[in-house]
Amino acid sequence: MRFVLTLLLFVGAVFFAQPASAFCFEPSAPQIFLISKPQKPFCLQLFSDTPCNAWEIDSYRMEVKRFVARLQLYVNEAVAFGGEATDYAKCMIKSLDD
């Protein structure tokens, strides 16, 4: 029993006597946003005398909504990356101090 207690004290002293060094995970940046904004239908151009059909307007609105949704996802990824990059920098500074 005494041997086990001595062994546990020795192992505990070895693990807790050394400062713990953190491993910092480098974040990866989001992919570049390459989706172009939707083109207006010809009937909505400034000098067009052609009336728009309802399906043209609806189709354009849906394209705009999809574009905005994709753009918002990209913004969210970029903001998350900013936070991860900040955490990474803090971790690296902390590892230099240890």
N, C-alpha and C. Protein backbone atom coordinates (compact mmCIF):
# COMPACT_ATOMS: atom_id res chain seq x y z
N MET A 1 0.82 -1.19 0.00
CA MET A 1 0.00 0.00 0.00
C MET A 1 0.86 1.25 0.00
N ARG A 2 1.92 1.18 0.77
CA ARG A 2 2.81 2.34 0.85
C ARG A 2 3.48 2.60 -0.51
N PHE A 3 3.81 1.51 -1.21
CA PHE A 3 4.42 1.64 -2.53
C PHE A 3 3.48 2.32 -3.52
N VAL A 4 2.21 1.94 -3.49
CA VAL A 4 1.21 2.53 -4.39
C VAL A 4 1.05 4.01 -4.08
N LEU A 5 0.99 4.38 -2.83
CA LEU A 5 0.87 5.77 -2.44
C LEU A 5 2.09 6.58 -2.88
N THR A 6 3.26 6.03 -2.72
CA THR A 6 4.49 6.69 -3.15
C THR A 6 4.50 6.86 -4.65
N LEU A 7 4.08 5.84 -5.36
CA LEU A 7 4.03 5.90 -6.82
C LEU A 7 3.05 6.97 -7.28
N LEU A 8 1.88 7.02 -6.67
CA LEU A 8 0.89 8.05 -7.03
C LEU A 8 1.42 9.45 -6.75
N LEU A 9 2.10 9.65 -5.65
CA LEU A 9 2.68 10.96 -5.35
C LEU A 9 3.75 11.34 -6.36
N PHE A 10 4.56 10.37 -6.75
CA PHE A 10 5.61 10.63 -7.73
C PHE A 10 5.02 11.00 -9.09
N VAL A 11 4.04 10.22 -9.54
CA VAL A 11 3.40 10.49 -10.83
C VAL A 11 2.69 11.84 -10.80
N GLY A 12 1.99 12.14 -9.72
CA GLY A 12 1.33 13.43 -9.60
C GLY A 12 2.32 14.58 -9.61
N ALA A 13 3.44 14.42 -8.96
CA ALA A 13 4.46 15.47 -8.93
C ALA A 13 5.05 15.69 -10.31
N VAL A 14 5.24 14.63 -11.06
CA VAL A 14 5.79 14.76 -12.42
C VAL A 14 4.83 15.51 -13.32
N PHE A 15 3.54 15.16 -13.25
CA PHE A 15 2.57 15.78 -14.15
C PHE A 15 2.24 17.22 -13.75
N PHE A 16 2.20 17.51 -12.48
CA PHE A 16 1.79 18.84 -12.05
C PHE A 16 2.95 19.80 -11.84
N ALA A 17 4.14 19.33 -11.83
CA ALA A 17 5.29 20.21 -11.62
C ALA A 17 5.67 20.96 -12.89
N GLN A 18 5.33 20.40 -14.04
CA GLN A 18 5.69 21.03 -15.31
C GLN A 18 4.52 21.89 -15.80
N PRO A 19 4.82 23.05 -16.35
CA PRO A 19 3.73 23.87 -16.88
C PRO A 19 3.11 23.19 -18.10
N ALA A 20 1.82 23.29 -18.19
CA ALA A 20 1.12 22.70 -19.34
C ALA A 20 1.27 23.61 -20.54
N SER A 21 1.72 23.05 -21.63
CA SER A 21 1.84 23.85 -22.85
C SER A 21 0.63 23.56 -23.72
N ALA A 22 -0.02 24.61 -24.17
CA ALA A 22 -1.23 24.46 -24.97
C ALA A 22 -0.86 24.27 -26.43
N PHE A 23 -1.67 23.49 -27.12
CA PHE A 23 -1.50 23.35 -28.56
C PHE A 23 -2.51 24.27 -29.21
N CYS A 24 -2.04 25.14 -30.06
CA CYS A 24 -2.90 26.13 -30.69
C CYS A 24 -3.32 25.64 -32.08
N PHE A 25 -4.61 25.64 -32.33
CA PHE A 25 -5.13 25.25 -33.63
C PHE A 25 -5.25 26.47 -34.52
N GLU A 26 -4.51 26.45 -35.62
CA GLU A 26 -4.56 27.57 -36.57
C GLU A 26 -5.85 27.49 -37.37
N PRO A 27 -6.64 28.57 -37.37
CA PRO A 27 -7.91 28.52 -38.10
C PRO A 27 -7.68 28.62 -39.61
N SER A 28 -8.63 28.14 -40.36
CA SER A 28 -8.56 28.28 -41.81
C SER A 28 -9.59 29.30 -42.26
N ALA A 29 -9.18 30.16 -43.16
CA ALA A 29 -10.05 31.22 -43.65
C ALA A 29 -11.16 30.64 -44.52
N PRO A 30 -12.31 31.30 -44.55
CA PRO A 30 -13.38 30.81 -45.42
C PRO A 30 -12.99 30.97 -46.90
N GLN A 31 -13.63 30.18 -47.74
CA GLN A 31 -13.38 30.28 -49.17
C GLN A 31 -13.77 31.67 -49.67
N ILE A 32 -13.11 32.12 -50.71
CA ILE A 32 -13.41 33.44 -51.28
C ILE A 32 -14.83 33.41 -51.86
N PHE A 33 -15.56 34.49 -51.64
CA PHE A 33 -16.94 34.60 -52.13
C PHE A 33 -16.90 34.97 -53.61
N LEU A 34 -17.18 34.01 -54.47
CA LEU A 34 -17.07 34.22 -55.91
C LEU A 34 -18.42 34.27 -56.62
N ILE A 35 -19.49 34.27 -55.89
CA ILE A 35 -20.81 34.28 -56.51
C ILE A 35 -21.14 35.71 -56.92
N SER A 36 -21.46 35.89 -58.18
CA SER A 36 -21.79 37.24 -58.65
C SER A 36 -23.26 37.54 -58.38
N LYS A 37 -23.55 38.81 -58.23
CA LYS A 37 -24.94 39.18 -57.93
C LYS A 37 -25.80 38.94 -59.16
N PRO A 38 -27.07 38.68 -58.93
CA PRO A 38 -27.97 38.38 -60.05
C PRO A 38 -28.12 39.56 -61.00
N GLN A 39 -28.27 39.24 -62.27
CA GLN A 39 -28.50 40.26 -63.29
C GLN A 39 -29.98 40.62 -63.33
N LYS A 40 -30.24 41.90 -63.45
CA LYS A 40 -31.64 42.32 -63.59
C LYS A 40 -32.18 41.81 -64.92
N PRO A 41 -33.44 41.45 -64.93
CA PRO A 41 -34.05 41.07 -66.22
C PRO A 41 -34.04 42.27 -67.16
N PHE A 42 -34.02 41.99 -68.44
CA PHE A 42 -33.97 43.06 -69.44
C PHE A 42 -35.14 44.02 -69.28
N CYS A 43 -36.28 43.50 -68.89
CA CYS A 43 -37.46 44.36 -68.77
C CYS A 43 -37.33 45.38 -67.64
N LEU A 44 -36.40 45.19 -66.73
CA LEU A 44 -36.19 46.14 -65.64
C LEU A 44 -35.07 47.14 -65.92
N GLN A 45 -34.46 47.04 -67.08
CA GLN A 45 -33.39 47.97 -67.43
C GLN A 45 -33.98 49.37 -67.59
N LEU A 46 -33.15 50.37 -67.42
CA LEU A 46 -33.59 51.76 -67.40
C LEU A 46 -34.31 52.19 -68.68
N PHE A 47 -33.79 51.79 -69.83
CA PHE A 47 -34.35 52.28 -71.09
C PHE A 47 -35.21 51.23 -71.79
N SER A 48 -35.69 50.26 -71.07
CA SER A 48 -36.48 49.19 -71.68
C SER A 48 -37.95 49.57 -71.69
N ASP A 49 -38.59 49.35 -72.84
CA ASP A 49 -40.03 49.56 -72.96
C ASP A 49 -40.79 48.25 -72.87
N THR A 50 -40.06 47.16 -72.64
CA THR A 50 -40.66 45.83 -72.58
C THR A 50 -41.24 45.60 -71.19
N PRO A 51 -42.52 45.25 -71.09
CA PRO A 51 -43.09 44.97 -69.77
C PRO A 51 -42.57 43.63 -69.24
N CYS A 52 -42.50 43.54 -67.93
CA CYS A 52 -42.03 42.32 -67.29
C CYS A 52 -43.19 41.36 -67.04
N ASN A 53 -42.93 40.10 -67.25
CA ASN A 53 -43.89 39.07 -66.88
C ASN A 53 -43.73 38.78 -65.39
N ALA A 54 -44.77 38.26 -64.79
CA ALA A 54 -44.73 37.95 -63.36
C ALA A 54 -43.64 36.93 -63.05
N TRP A 55 -43.47 35.94 -63.92
CA TRP A 55 -42.47 34.91 -63.67
C TRP A 55 -41.06 35.48 -63.72
N GLU A 56 -40.83 36.51 -64.57
CA GLU A 56 -39.51 37.15 -64.61
C GLU A 56 -39.20 37.86 -63.30
N ILE A 57 -40.19 38.58 -62.79
CA ILE A 57 -40.02 39.29 -61.53
C ILE A 57 -39.82 38.29 -60.39
N ASP A 58 -40.65 37.25 -60.33
CA ASP A 58 -40.53 36.25 -59.27
C ASP A 58 -39.18 35.53 -59.33
N SER A 59 -38.76 35.20 -60.51
CA SER A 59 -37.47 34.52 -60.68
C SER A 59 -36.32 35.41 -60.20
N TYR A 60 -36.38 36.68 -60.58
CA TYR A 60 -35.34 37.63 -60.16
C TYR A 60 -35.33 37.79 -58.63
N ARG A 61 -36.50 37.90 -58.03
CA ARG A 61 -36.59 38.01 -56.57
C ARG A 61 -35.99 36.80 -55.87
N MET A 62 -36.28 35.60 -56.40
CA MET A 62 -35.73 34.38 -55.80
C MET A 62 -34.20 34.34 -55.94
N GLU A 63 -33.69 34.78 -57.09
CA GLU A 63 -32.23 34.83 -57.27
C GLU A 63 -31.60 35.79 -56.28
N VAL A 64 -32.24 36.93 -56.07
CA VAL A 64 -31.72 37.92 -55.12
C VAL A 64 -31.75 37.34 -53.70
N LYS A 65 -32.83 36.67 -53.33
CA LYS A 65 -32.93 36.07 -52.00
C LYS A 65 -31.84 35.01 -51.79
N ARG A 66 -31.61 34.17 -52.80
CA ARG A 66 -30.55 33.15 -52.69
C ARG A 66 -29.18 33.81 -52.57
N PHE A 67 -28.96 34.87 -53.33
CA PHE A 67 -27.69 35.58 -53.27
C PHE A 67 -27.46 36.17 -51.88
N VAL A 68 -28.49 36.82 -51.33
CA VAL A 68 -28.38 37.42 -50.00
C VAL A 68 -28.14 36.35 -48.94
N ALA A 69 -28.81 35.21 -49.06
CA ALA A 69 -28.62 34.12 -48.09
C ALA A 69 -27.19 33.59 -48.15
N ARG A 70 -26.65 33.40 -49.36
CA ARG A 70 -25.27 32.94 -49.50
C ARG A 70 -24.29 33.97 -48.97
N LEU A 71 -24.57 35.23 -49.23
CA LEU A 71 -23.71 36.29 -48.73
C LEU A 71 -23.73 36.33 -47.20
N GLN A 72 -24.89 36.14 -46.61
CA GLN A 72 -24.99 36.13 -45.14
C GLN A 72 -24.22 34.96 -44.55
N LEU A 73 -24.27 33.79 -45.20
CA LEU A 73 -23.48 32.65 -44.75
C LEU A 73 -21.99 32.98 -44.78
N TYR A 74 -21.57 33.64 -45.85
CA TYR A 74 -20.17 34.02 -45.97
C TYR A 74 -19.76 35.01 -44.87
N VAL A 75 -20.63 35.96 -44.59
CA VAL A 75 -20.37 36.93 -43.53
C VAL A 75 -20.23 36.20 -42.19
N ASN A 76 -21.13 35.26 -41.92
CA ASN A 76 -21.06 34.50 -40.67
C ASN A 76 -19.76 33.71 -40.57
N GLU A 77 -19.33 33.10 -41.69
CA GLU A 77 -18.07 32.35 -41.69
C GLU A 77 -16.89 33.29 -41.45
N ALA A 78 -16.93 34.47 -42.06
CA ALA A 78 -15.84 35.43 -41.89
C ALA A 78 -15.76 35.94 -40.45
N VAL A 79 -16.90 36.19 -39.84
CA VAL A 79 -16.94 36.65 -38.45
C VAL A 79 -16.41 35.55 -37.52
N ALA A 80 -16.84 34.30 -37.79
CA ALA A 80 -16.35 33.18 -36.98
C ALA A 80 -14.84 33.03 -37.14
N PHE A 81 -14.35 33.19 -38.36
CA PHE A 81 -12.90 33.11 -38.59
C PHE A 81 -12.17 34.19 -37.80
N GLY A 82 -12.74 35.39 -37.77
CA GLY A 82 -12.12 36.48 -37.00
C GLY A 82 -11.98 36.12 -35.53
N GLY A 83 -13.03 35.52 -34.97
CA GLY A 83 -12.97 35.09 -33.57
C GLY A 83 -11.96 33.98 -33.35
N GLU A 84 -11.92 33.02 -34.29
CA GLU A 84 -10.96 31.92 -34.18
C GLU A 84 -9.52 32.43 -34.32
N ALA A 85 -9.32 33.40 -35.20
CA ALA A 85 -7.98 33.96 -35.38
C ALA A 85 -7.53 34.71 -34.12
N THR A 86 -8.45 35.40 -33.48
CA THR A 86 -8.13 36.08 -32.24
C THR A 86 -7.76 35.08 -31.15
N ASP A 87 -8.55 34.01 -31.03
CA ASP A 87 -8.24 32.97 -30.05
C ASP A 87 -6.89 32.32 -30.34
N TYR A 88 -6.59 32.11 -31.61
CA TYR A 88 -5.31 31.52 -32.00
C TYR A 88 -4.15 32.43 -31.60
N ALA A 89 -4.30 33.72 -31.87
CA ALA A 89 -3.24 34.66 -31.51
C ALA A 89 -3.01 34.68 -29.99
N LYS A 90 -4.10 34.68 -29.25
CA LYS A 90 -3.98 34.67 -27.79
C LYS A 90 -3.31 33.39 -27.30
N CYS A 91 -3.65 32.27 -27.93
CA CYS A 91 -3.04 30.99 -27.55
C CYS A 91 -1.55 31.00 -27.85
N MET A 92 -1.17 31.55 -29.00
CA MET A 92 0.24 31.60 -29.37
C MET A 92 1.02 32.48 -28.38
N ILE A 93 0.45 33.60 -28.00
CA ILE A 93 1.10 34.49 -27.03
C ILE A 93 1.25 33.78 -25.70
N LYS A 94 0.20 33.08 -25.28
CA LYS A 94 0.25 32.34 -24.03
C LYS A 94 1.32 31.24 -24.07
N SER A 95 1.44 30.57 -25.21
CA SER A 95 2.44 29.51 -25.31
C SER A 95 3.85 30.07 -25.27
N LEU A 96 4.03 31.31 -25.71
CA LEU A 96 5.36 31.94 -25.63
C LEU A 96 5.69 32.34 -24.20
N ASP A 97 4.65 32.67 -23.43
CA ASP A 97 4.86 33.06 -22.04
C ASP A 97 5.18 31.86 -21.14
N ASP A 98 4.71 30.66 -21.54
CA ASP A 98 4.92 29.46 -20.72
C ASP A 98 6.34 28.98 -20.77
